Amino acid sequence: MLRFETAGESHGECLVATLTGLPAGVPVSIAAIDRELWRRQQGFGRGGRMKIETDHAHIVSGIRHSHTIGSPIAILIENKDWKNWTEALPVEDIDGAEDHKKPVTRPRPGHADLAGAIKYNFHDARYILERASARETAGRVAVGALAKAFLVEFGIGVLSHVIAVGEAKLERPATWEELVALSQRDEVLLGCVDGEAEQRMKAVVDQAYKTGDTVGGVFEVVARGVPPGLGSHIAWDTRLDGRLAQAIVSMQAVKGVEVGYAAEGAAAFGSKVQDTIHYSREKHEFTRGANRAGGLEGGMTNGQDVLVRGMLKPISTLRRPLESVDLETRDAALAAYERSDIAVVPAGGVIGEAMVALVLASAMIEKFGGDSLAETRRNYQGYLEQVKNF
């Protein structure tokens, strides 16, 4: 079983991410992990924090001589902003520490502040927001890069793009070649493959900035080269579409998920929605007339591209704060403001890639097993032969 965990707070000393279950022998490039971390930090509308941090993966276990060794992998990512918070958030209490606290007593609507403060009995939401912050996702992206490295060994690629920012939308499908080119850009605007649509998206972000507001959007993650048969129909928690949905909705600010063209399908008749089945005698393979199902049928992959969309609400921290209540006085007050972003949809896509890669890698390991990459590959090749001869 592939399992990952993250630890750390937004302004703590560092983030920690662990990944257990990757077989031995998977090639790993720290530069490739750092590239994913860099991609997560890019995009028009990001806040001042991105000017402080330059994320780098410091691997302390599980990888030697650029290959996994089968043991748990641990990655540290330094928070350079920690130097500004050492007195406010010390690990061990010290005399005078109260004077340096930076309490948050005016919870932000839409954030974890109030619900978390009530749950953990804090009258200061600082400890809640420190962990609830999307800064945590740097750890997910780091271990997601390892999952990608594993999937690449089986010809599986996972990429993303932005299809909407506010009401500005991409009105056409993107090709895989466009997604590859997008991922290789050294300058990231809003992560859209279409320049004209991207400029419309930028105008929406500009408007939000001018009015002290924030804006959300939709990103799409595409996984290509996925074999049929990952996941299962036999139990609710083995259905891969459910696992993918949970992975995407677990991301901060994501309030909805769509597999394939679910919303469009819900408004159409069945004859217009189902992907027709065909067979190529030359290639000895089944094909579909379209991919409205998003590569998943009955909780299992069907061999087509896996398509998953995440719907990001606008970030909860506004420069023009909304109405709230002070936790200490219970008087009406404006919500607290923490340095934040205006739009994070491109970053959401990169984090979504990581989450989809982790779910797919886990499904691959569950199905094909193997303590070493060579063993997993043998099992995988045997399965492909079975599929070919079906």
Protein backbone atom coordinates (compact mmCIF):
# COMPACT_ATOMS: atom_id res chain seq x y z
CA MET A 1 0.00 0.00 0.00
CA LEU A 2 1.22 3.48 -0.91
CA ARG A 3 0.72 5.92 1.95
CA PHE A 4 1.77 9.52 2.47
CA GLU A 5 1.54 12.00 5.30
CA THR A 6 2.51 15.64 5.73
CA ALA A 7 3.37 17.64 8.84
CA GLY A 8 4.27 21.23 9.53
CA GLU A 9 2.67 24.63 9.85
CA SER A 10 2.55 27.54 7.44
CA HIS A 11 5.04 29.61 9.44
CA GLY A 12 6.81 26.77 11.22
CA GLU A 13 10.44 25.82 10.68
CA CYS A 14 9.74 23.40 7.85
CA LEU A 15 7.26 21.09 6.19
CA VAL A 16 7.74 17.34 6.38
CA ALA A 17 6.34 14.80 3.92
CA THR A 18 6.70 11.04 4.10
CA LEU A 19 5.89 8.41 1.50
CA THR A 20 5.82 4.70 2.24
CA GLY A 21 5.28 1.88 -0.23
CA LEU A 22 7.21 2.79 -3.36
CA PRO A 23 9.16 -0.22 -4.61
CA ALA A 24 12.94 -0.14 -4.71
CA GLY A 25 14.71 0.98 -7.87
CA VAL A 26 12.53 3.92 -8.96
CA PRO A 27 14.78 6.66 -10.44
CA VAL A 28 14.42 9.96 -8.58
CA SER A 29 15.64 13.42 -9.56
CA ILE A 30 15.70 16.14 -6.91
CA ALA A 31 15.72 18.69 -9.72
CA ALA A 32 12.45 17.20 -11.01
CA ILE A 33 10.87 17.44 -7.55
CA ASP A 34 12.05 21.04 -7.23
CA ARG A 35 10.58 21.80 -10.64
CA GLU A 36 7.17 20.61 -9.40
CA LEU A 37 7.55 22.73 -6.27
CA TRP A 38 8.42 25.71 -8.47
CA ARG A 39 5.35 25.13 -10.64
CA ARG A 40 3.15 25.14 -7.54
CA GLN A 41 4.43 28.59 -6.59
CA GLN A 42 3.74 30.22 -9.96
CA GLY A 43 0.77 32.03 -11.44
CA PHE A 44 -0.66 35.52 -11.79
CA GLY A 45 -2.42 36.60 -8.62
CA ARG A 46 -0.16 34.87 -6.10
CA GLY A 47 0.63 36.71 -2.87
CA GLY A 48 3.79 37.98 -1.23
CA ARG A 49 4.66 34.65 0.38
CA MET A 50 5.77 33.32 -2.99
CA LYS A 51 8.40 36.07 -3.10
CA ILE A 52 9.86 34.81 0.17
CA GLU A 53 9.92 31.05 -0.38
CA THR A 54 12.01 29.18 -2.93
CA ASP A 55 11.00 25.64 -2.19
CA HIS A 56 13.61 22.89 -2.29
CA ALA A 57 13.21 19.22 -1.45
CA HIS A 58 15.70 18.03 1.14
CA ILE A 59 15.47 14.22 1.13
CA VAL A 60 16.67 12.63 4.36
CA SER A 61 15.68 8.97 3.91
CA GLY A 62 14.48 6.34 1.46
CA ILE A 63 16.54 7.40 -1.56
CA ARG A 64 20.18 6.61 -2.19
CA HIS A 65 22.23 7.11 -5.36
CA SER A 66 19.16 8.65 -7.05
CA HIS A 67 16.95 5.58 -6.60
CA THR A 68 14.35 4.50 -4.08
CA ILE A 69 15.47 1.70 -1.76
CA GLY A 70 12.04 0.47 -0.65
CA SER A 71 12.07 2.13 2.77
CA PRO A 72 9.99 5.15 3.84
CA ILE A 73 10.95 8.37 2.10
CA ALA A 74 11.10 11.56 4.15
CA ILE A 75 11.36 15.03 2.62
CA LEU A 76 11.93 18.34 4.39
CA ILE A 77 10.97 21.68 2.82
CA GLU A 78 12.33 24.73 4.61
CA ASN A 79 10.05 27.66 5.42
CA LYS A 80 12.26 30.69 4.90
CA ASP A 81 9.59 32.87 6.54
CA TRP A 82 10.26 30.99 9.80
CA LYS A 83 12.86 33.56 10.78
CA ASN A 84 10.06 36.09 11.14
CA TRP A 85 8.04 33.78 13.39
CA THR A 86 10.56 32.15 15.71
CA GLU A 87 9.44 34.25 18.69
CA ALA A 88 5.75 34.09 17.85
CA LEU A 89 5.62 30.30 17.42
CA PRO A 90 8.34 28.75 19.63
CA VAL A 91 8.26 24.99 20.20
CA GLU A 92 9.03 25.35 23.89
CA ASP A 93 7.37 28.05 25.94
CA ILE A 94 9.74 30.72 27.21
CA ASP A 95 9.47 33.76 29.43
CA GLY A 96 7.93 36.68 27.59
CA ALA A 97 6.61 34.52 24.74
CA GLU A 98 3.10 35.91 25.24
CA ASP A 99 4.36 39.33 24.16
CA HIS A 100 5.37 38.00 20.74
CA LYS A 101 2.20 36.07 19.89
CA LYS A 102 0.31 37.05 16.75
CA PRO A 103 -3.21 36.00 17.73
CA VAL A 104 -6.08 35.71 15.26
CA THR A 105 -9.34 36.37 17.08
CA ARG A 106 -11.47 37.52 14.14
CA PRO A 107 -12.15 34.33 12.12
CA ARG A 108 -12.37 34.59 8.34
CA PRO A 109 -15.63 33.47 6.72
CA GLY A 110 -14.97 30.40 4.58
CA HIS A 111 -11.76 29.47 6.38
CA ALA A 112 -11.11 26.78 8.99
CA ASP A 113 -10.60 29.46 11.66
CA LEU A 114 -13.88 29.33 13.60
CA ALA A 115 -14.76 25.66 13.18
CA GLY A 116 -11.22 24.66 14.20
CA ALA A 117 -11.12 27.05 17.15
CA ILE A 118 -14.37 25.60 18.49
CA LYS A 119 -13.26 22.00 17.87
CA TYR A 120 -9.87 22.35 19.58
CA ASN A 121 -11.01 24.84 22.23
CA PHE A 122 -8.66 27.63 21.13
CA HIS A 123 -9.76 31.22 21.61
CA ASP A 124 -7.02 32.14 19.15
CA ALA A 125 -7.34 30.70 15.63
CA ARG A 126 -3.59 31.02 14.95
CA TYR A 127 -2.85 27.33 15.50
CA ILE A 128 -5.78 26.35 13.28
CA LEU A 129 -4.86 28.50 10.31
CA GLU A 130 -1.19 27.54 10.56
CA ARG A 131 -2.03 23.93 9.72
CA ALA A 132 -5.12 24.57 7.59
CA SER A 133 -3.07 26.80 5.28
CA ALA A 134 -2.47 25.64 1.73
CA ARG A 135 1.25 25.95 2.46
CA GLU A 136 0.85 22.29 3.50
CA THR A 137 0.38 21.33 -0.13
CA ALA A 138 4.08 21.86 -0.87
CA GLY A 139 4.57 18.53 0.92
CA ARG A 140 1.90 16.88 -1.22
CA VAL A 141 3.54 18.15 -4.40
CA ALA A 142 6.92 16.79 -3.30
CA VAL A 143 5.65 13.24 -2.70
CA GLY A 144 3.42 13.56 -5.75
CA ALA A 145 6.56 14.10 -7.82
CA LEU A 146 7.81 10.73 -6.56
CA ALA A 147 4.52 9.11 -7.55
CA LYS A 148 4.93 10.67 -11.00
CA ALA A 149 8.44 9.25 -11.26
CA PHE A 150 7.00 5.80 -10.56
CA LEU A 151 4.17 6.18 -13.08
CA VAL A 152 6.52 7.38 -15.83
CA GLU A 153 8.23 3.99 -15.65
CA PHE A 154 4.97 2.52 -16.97
CA GLY A 155 4.35 5.17 -19.62
CA ILE A 156 1.80 7.09 -17.55
CA GLY A 157 1.88 10.90 -17.54
CA VAL A 158 -0.13 13.28 -15.33
CA LEU A 159 -0.56 16.96 -16.28
CA SER A 160 -3.02 19.79 -15.68
CA HIS A 161 -4.35 23.04 -17.06
CA VAL A 162 -6.76 25.78 -16.02
CA ILE A 163 -10.14 25.79 -17.75
CA ALA A 164 -11.82 28.63 -15.84
CA VAL A 165 -11.01 31.62 -13.64
CA GLY A 166 -14.20 33.21 -12.39
CA GLU A 167 -16.54 33.50 -15.36
CA ALA A 168 -13.70 33.45 -17.93
CA LYS A 169 -13.51 29.98 -19.47
CA LEU A 170 -11.57 27.93 -21.97
CA GLU A 171 -14.18 27.02 -24.55
CA ARG A 172 -12.38 24.09 -26.20
CA PRO A 173 -10.64 20.85 -25.21
CA ALA A 174 -6.87 20.92 -24.76
CA THR A 175 -4.58 18.48 -26.53
CA TRP A 176 -2.00 16.44 -24.67
CA GLU A 177 0.74 18.17 -26.64
CA GLU A 178 -0.53 21.52 -25.37
CA LEU A 179 -0.45 20.25 -21.79
CA VAL A 180 3.14 19.06 -22.21
CA ALA A 181 4.19 22.43 -23.64
CA LEU A 182 2.38 24.22 -20.81
CA SER A 183 4.20 22.19 -18.16
CA GLN A 184 7.54 23.13 -19.71
CA ARG A 185 7.00 26.89 -19.65
CA ASP A 186 9.42 28.93 -17.59
CA GLU A 187 6.87 31.71 -17.15
CA VAL A 188 3.41 30.88 -15.85
CA LEU A 189 0.50 33.29 -16.17
CA LEU A 190 -2.71 31.41 -15.39
CA GLY A 191 -1.94 27.91 -16.63
CA CYS A 192 -4.27 27.99 -19.63
CA VAL A 193 -3.27 26.46 -22.98
CA ASP A 194 -5.10 29.15 -24.98
CA GLY A 195 -3.54 32.62 -24.98
CA GLU A 196 -6.77 34.50 -25.69
CA ALA A 197 -8.68 32.70 -22.96
CA GLU A 198 -5.79 33.27 -20.57
CA GLN A 199 -5.96 37.02 -21.14
CA ARG A 200 -9.68 36.96 -20.30
CA MET A 201 -8.80 35.11 -17.11
CA LYS A 202 -6.13 37.67 -16.28
CA ALA A 203 -8.69 40.46 -16.61
CA VAL A 204 -10.83 38.73 -14.00
CA VAL A 205 -7.88 38.51 -11.59
CA ASP A 206 -7.05 42.17 -12.25
CA GLN A 207 -10.60 43.14 -11.34
CA ALA A 208 -10.45 41.13 -8.11
CA TYR A 209 -7.19 42.84 -7.19
CA LYS A 210 -8.60 46.31 -7.79
CA THR A 211 -11.60 45.64 -5.56
CA GLY A 212 -9.73 43.89 -2.74
CA ASP A 213 -11.45 40.63 -3.60
CA THR A 214 -10.40 37.08 -4.56
CA VAL A 215 -11.48 34.74 -7.36
CA GLY A 216 -11.70 30.98 -7.82
CA GLY A 217 -11.88 28.74 -10.86
CA VAL A 218 -11.59 25.24 -12.28
CA PHE A 219 -8.54 23.14 -13.11
CA GLU A 220 -8.44 19.88 -15.03
CA VAL A 221 -5.99 17.04 -14.41
CA VAL A 222 -5.35 14.58 -17.25
CA ALA A 223 -3.63 11.22 -16.84
CA ARG A 224 -2.54 9.57 -20.09
CA GLY A 225 -1.35 6.00 -20.62
CA VAL A 226 -3.36 4.54 -17.73
CA PRO A 227 -4.13 0.84 -18.33
CA PRO A 228 -7.65 -0.54 -18.01
CA GLY A 229 -8.53 -2.28 -14.76
CA LEU A 230 -7.18 -0.06 -11.99
CA GLY A 231 -9.66 0.20 -9.14
CA SER A 232 -12.62 -2.10 -8.64
CA HIS A 233 -16.40 -2.24 -8.67
CA ILE A 234 -16.71 -4.70 -5.78
CA ALA A 235 -16.80 -2.30 -2.80
CA TRP A 236 -17.56 1.38 -2.29
CA ASP A 237 -14.07 2.25 -1.09
CA THR A 238 -12.28 0.44 -3.92
CA ARG A 239 -13.94 2.49 -6.66
CA LEU A 240 -11.18 4.60 -8.17
CA ASP A 241 -13.41 7.53 -9.13
CA GLY A 242 -14.40 7.84 -5.47
CA ARG A 243 -10.78 7.77 -4.36
CA LEU A 244 -9.83 10.40 -6.91
CA ALA A 245 -12.74 12.60 -5.88
CA GLN A 246 -11.75 12.40 -2.21
CA ALA A 247 -8.14 13.22 -3.09
CA ILE A 248 -9.12 16.35 -5.01
CA VAL A 249 -11.70 17.62 -2.52
CA SER A 250 -9.16 17.16 0.28
CA MET A 251 -7.26 20.10 -1.21
CA GLN A 252 -7.69 23.44 0.52
CA ALA A 253 -10.40 25.63 -1.08
CA VAL A 254 -11.63 22.86 -3.41
CA LYS A 255 -15.39 22.51 -2.92
CA GLY A 256 -16.31 20.35 -5.89
CA VAL A 257 -14.95 17.68 -8.21
CA GLU A 258 -16.02 16.37 -11.60
CA VAL A 259 -14.94 13.12 -13.23
CA GLY A 260 -15.22 13.29 -17.00
CA TYR A 261 -18.09 15.43 -18.25
CA ALA A 262 -20.39 14.78 -15.31
CA ALA A 263 -22.25 18.11 -15.25
CA GLU A 264 -22.84 18.05 -18.99
CA GLY A 265 -23.99 14.44 -18.79
CA ALA A 266 -26.44 15.15 -16.01
CA ALA A 267 -28.29 17.53 -18.32
CA ALA A 268 -28.41 15.18 -21.34
CA PHE A 269 -30.09 11.95 -22.40
CA GLY A 270 -28.24 8.64 -22.00
CA SER A 271 -27.91 8.12 -25.73
CA LYS A 272 -25.83 11.30 -25.89
CA VAL A 273 -23.69 10.55 -22.85
CA GLN A 274 -22.44 6.96 -22.92
CA ASP A 275 -19.17 6.31 -24.77
CA THR A 276 -19.84 3.79 -27.53
CA ILE A 277 -17.63 0.67 -27.66
CA HIS A 278 -15.68 -0.45 -30.73
CA TYR A 279 -12.99 -3.01 -31.52
CA SER A 280 -9.87 -2.69 -33.67
CA ARG A 281 -8.91 -6.07 -35.12
CA GLU A 282 -5.62 -4.68 -36.35
CA LYS A 283 -4.56 -3.45 -32.89
CA HIS A 284 -6.45 -6.14 -30.97
CA GLU A 285 -7.96 -3.59 -28.63
CA PHE A 286 -11.27 -2.10 -27.58
CA THR A 287 -11.83 1.62 -28.15
CA ARG A 288 -14.50 4.18 -27.26
CA GLY A 289 -16.30 6.66 -29.48
CA ALA A 290 -15.64 9.47 -26.98
CA ASN A 291 -14.40 9.98 -23.43
CA ARG A 292 -17.30 11.60 -21.59
CA ALA A 293 -16.79 9.13 -18.73
CA GLY A 294 -13.34 10.56 -18.06
CA GLY A 295 -11.56 7.21 -18.38
CA LEU A 296 -13.51 5.56 -15.54
CA GLU A 297 -16.46 3.18 -15.70
CA GLY A 298 -17.84 1.27 -12.72
CA GLY A 299 -15.04 2.55 -10.51
CA MET A 300 -12.36 1.16 -12.83
CA THR A 301 -10.09 2.72 -15.44
CA ASN A 302 -11.05 1.78 -18.99
CA GLY A 303 -7.80 2.61 -20.79
CA GLN A 304 -8.72 6.13 -21.87
CA ASP A 305 -7.33 9.35 -20.45
CA VAL A 306 -8.41 9.91 -16.87
CA LEU A 307 -10.04 13.35 -16.58
CA VAL A 308 -10.65 14.93 -13.18
CA ARG A 309 -11.61 18.55 -12.50
CA GLY A 310 -11.33 20.47 -9.26
CA MET A 311 -13.52 23.48 -8.49
CA LEU A 312 -11.74 26.03 -6.34
CA LYS A 313 -13.69 28.58 -4.39
CA PRO A 314 -12.13 32.04 -3.99
CA ILE A 315 -9.51 32.25 -1.24
CA SER A 316 -11.03 33.17 2.14
CA THR A 317 -8.56 35.93 3.03
CA LEU A 318 -9.71 39.23 1.54
CA ARG A 319 -7.95 42.58 1.63
CA ARG A 320 -11.44 44.00 1.98
CA PRO A 321 -12.51 41.82 4.95
CA LEU A 322 -16.00 40.44 5.43
CA GLU A 323 -18.13 40.63 8.55
CA SER A 324 -17.08 38.42 11.46
CA VAL A 325 -17.12 38.28 15.28
CA ASP A 326 -14.22 38.76 17.70
CA LEU A 327 -13.62 35.55 19.64
CA GLU A 328 -12.64 37.44 22.79
CA THR A 329 -15.29 40.17 23.00
CA ARG A 330 -18.02 38.51 20.84
CA ASP A 331 -18.54 41.90 19.26
CA ALA A 332 -19.07 42.33 15.54
CA ALA A 333 -15.77 42.88 13.75
CA LEU A 334 -14.16 42.65 10.33
CA ALA A 335 -12.36 39.38 9.61
CA ALA A 336 -8.61 39.16 10.11
CA TYR A 337 -6.27 39.64 7.17
CA GLU A 338 -3.27 37.38 6.65
CA ARG A 339 -0.94 37.92 3.69
CA SER A 340 -2.60 35.91 0.95
CA ASP A 341 -3.27 35.30 -2.73
CA ILE A 342 -5.90 36.64 -5.11
CA ALA A 343 -6.08 33.58 -7.38
CA VAL A 344 -4.46 30.17 -7.00
CA VAL A 345 -6.07 28.09 -9.76
CA PRO A 346 -2.80 27.25 -11.62
CA ALA A 347 -1.26 26.10 -8.33
CA GLY A 348 -4.41 24.08 -7.69
CA GLY A 349 -3.79 22.23 -10.94
CA VAL A 350 -0.24 21.31 -9.95
CA ILE A 351 -1.42 20.10 -6.53
CA GLY A 352 -4.21 18.21 -8.28
CA GLU A 353 -1.61 16.47 -10.45
CA ALA A 354 0.18 15.35 -7.31
CA MET A 355 -2.99 13.98 -5.75
CA VAL A 356 -4.08 12.15 -8.91
CA ALA A 357 -0.56 10.72 -9.33
CA LEU A 358 -0.57 9.45 -5.74
CA VAL A 359 -3.95 7.76 -6.18
CA LEU A 360 -2.97 6.17 -9.49
CA ALA A 361 0.41 5.04 -8.18
CA SER A 362 -1.31 3.49 -5.19
CA ALA A 363 -3.77 1.67 -7.46
CA MET A 364 -0.89 0.42 -9.63
CA ILE A 365 0.98 -0.95 -6.62
CA GLU A 366 -2.16 -2.58 -5.22
CA LYS A 367 -2.79 -4.37 -8.51
CA PHE A 368 0.72 -5.29 -9.56
CA GLY A 369 2.64 -5.44 -6.28
CA GLY A 370 6.39 -5.86 -6.26
CA ASP A 371 9.13 -4.96 -3.79
CA SER A 372 11.32 -3.76 -6.64
CA LEU A 373 10.55 -1.83 -9.80
CA ALA A 374 11.74 -4.79 -11.87
CA GLU A 375 9.24 -7.10 -10.16
CA THR A 376 6.39 -4.62 -10.59
CA ARG A 377 7.30 -4.19 -14.24
CA ARG A 378 7.26 -7.96 -14.85
CA ASN A 379 3.82 -8.23 -13.29
CA TYR A 380 2.61 -5.27 -15.30
CA GLN A 381 3.90 -6.66 -18.58
CA GLY A 382 2.19 -9.96 -17.85
CA TYR A 383 -1.10 -8.14 -17.31
CA LEU A 384 -0.72 -6.18 -20.55
CA GLU A 385 -0.21 -9.47 -22.37
CA GLN A 386 -3.41 -10.76 -20.79
CA VAL A 387 -5.29 -7.64 -21.90
CA LYS A 388 -3.93 -7.97 -25.41
CA ASN A 389 -5.04 -11.59 -25.66
CA PHE A 390 -8.47 -10.99 -24.12
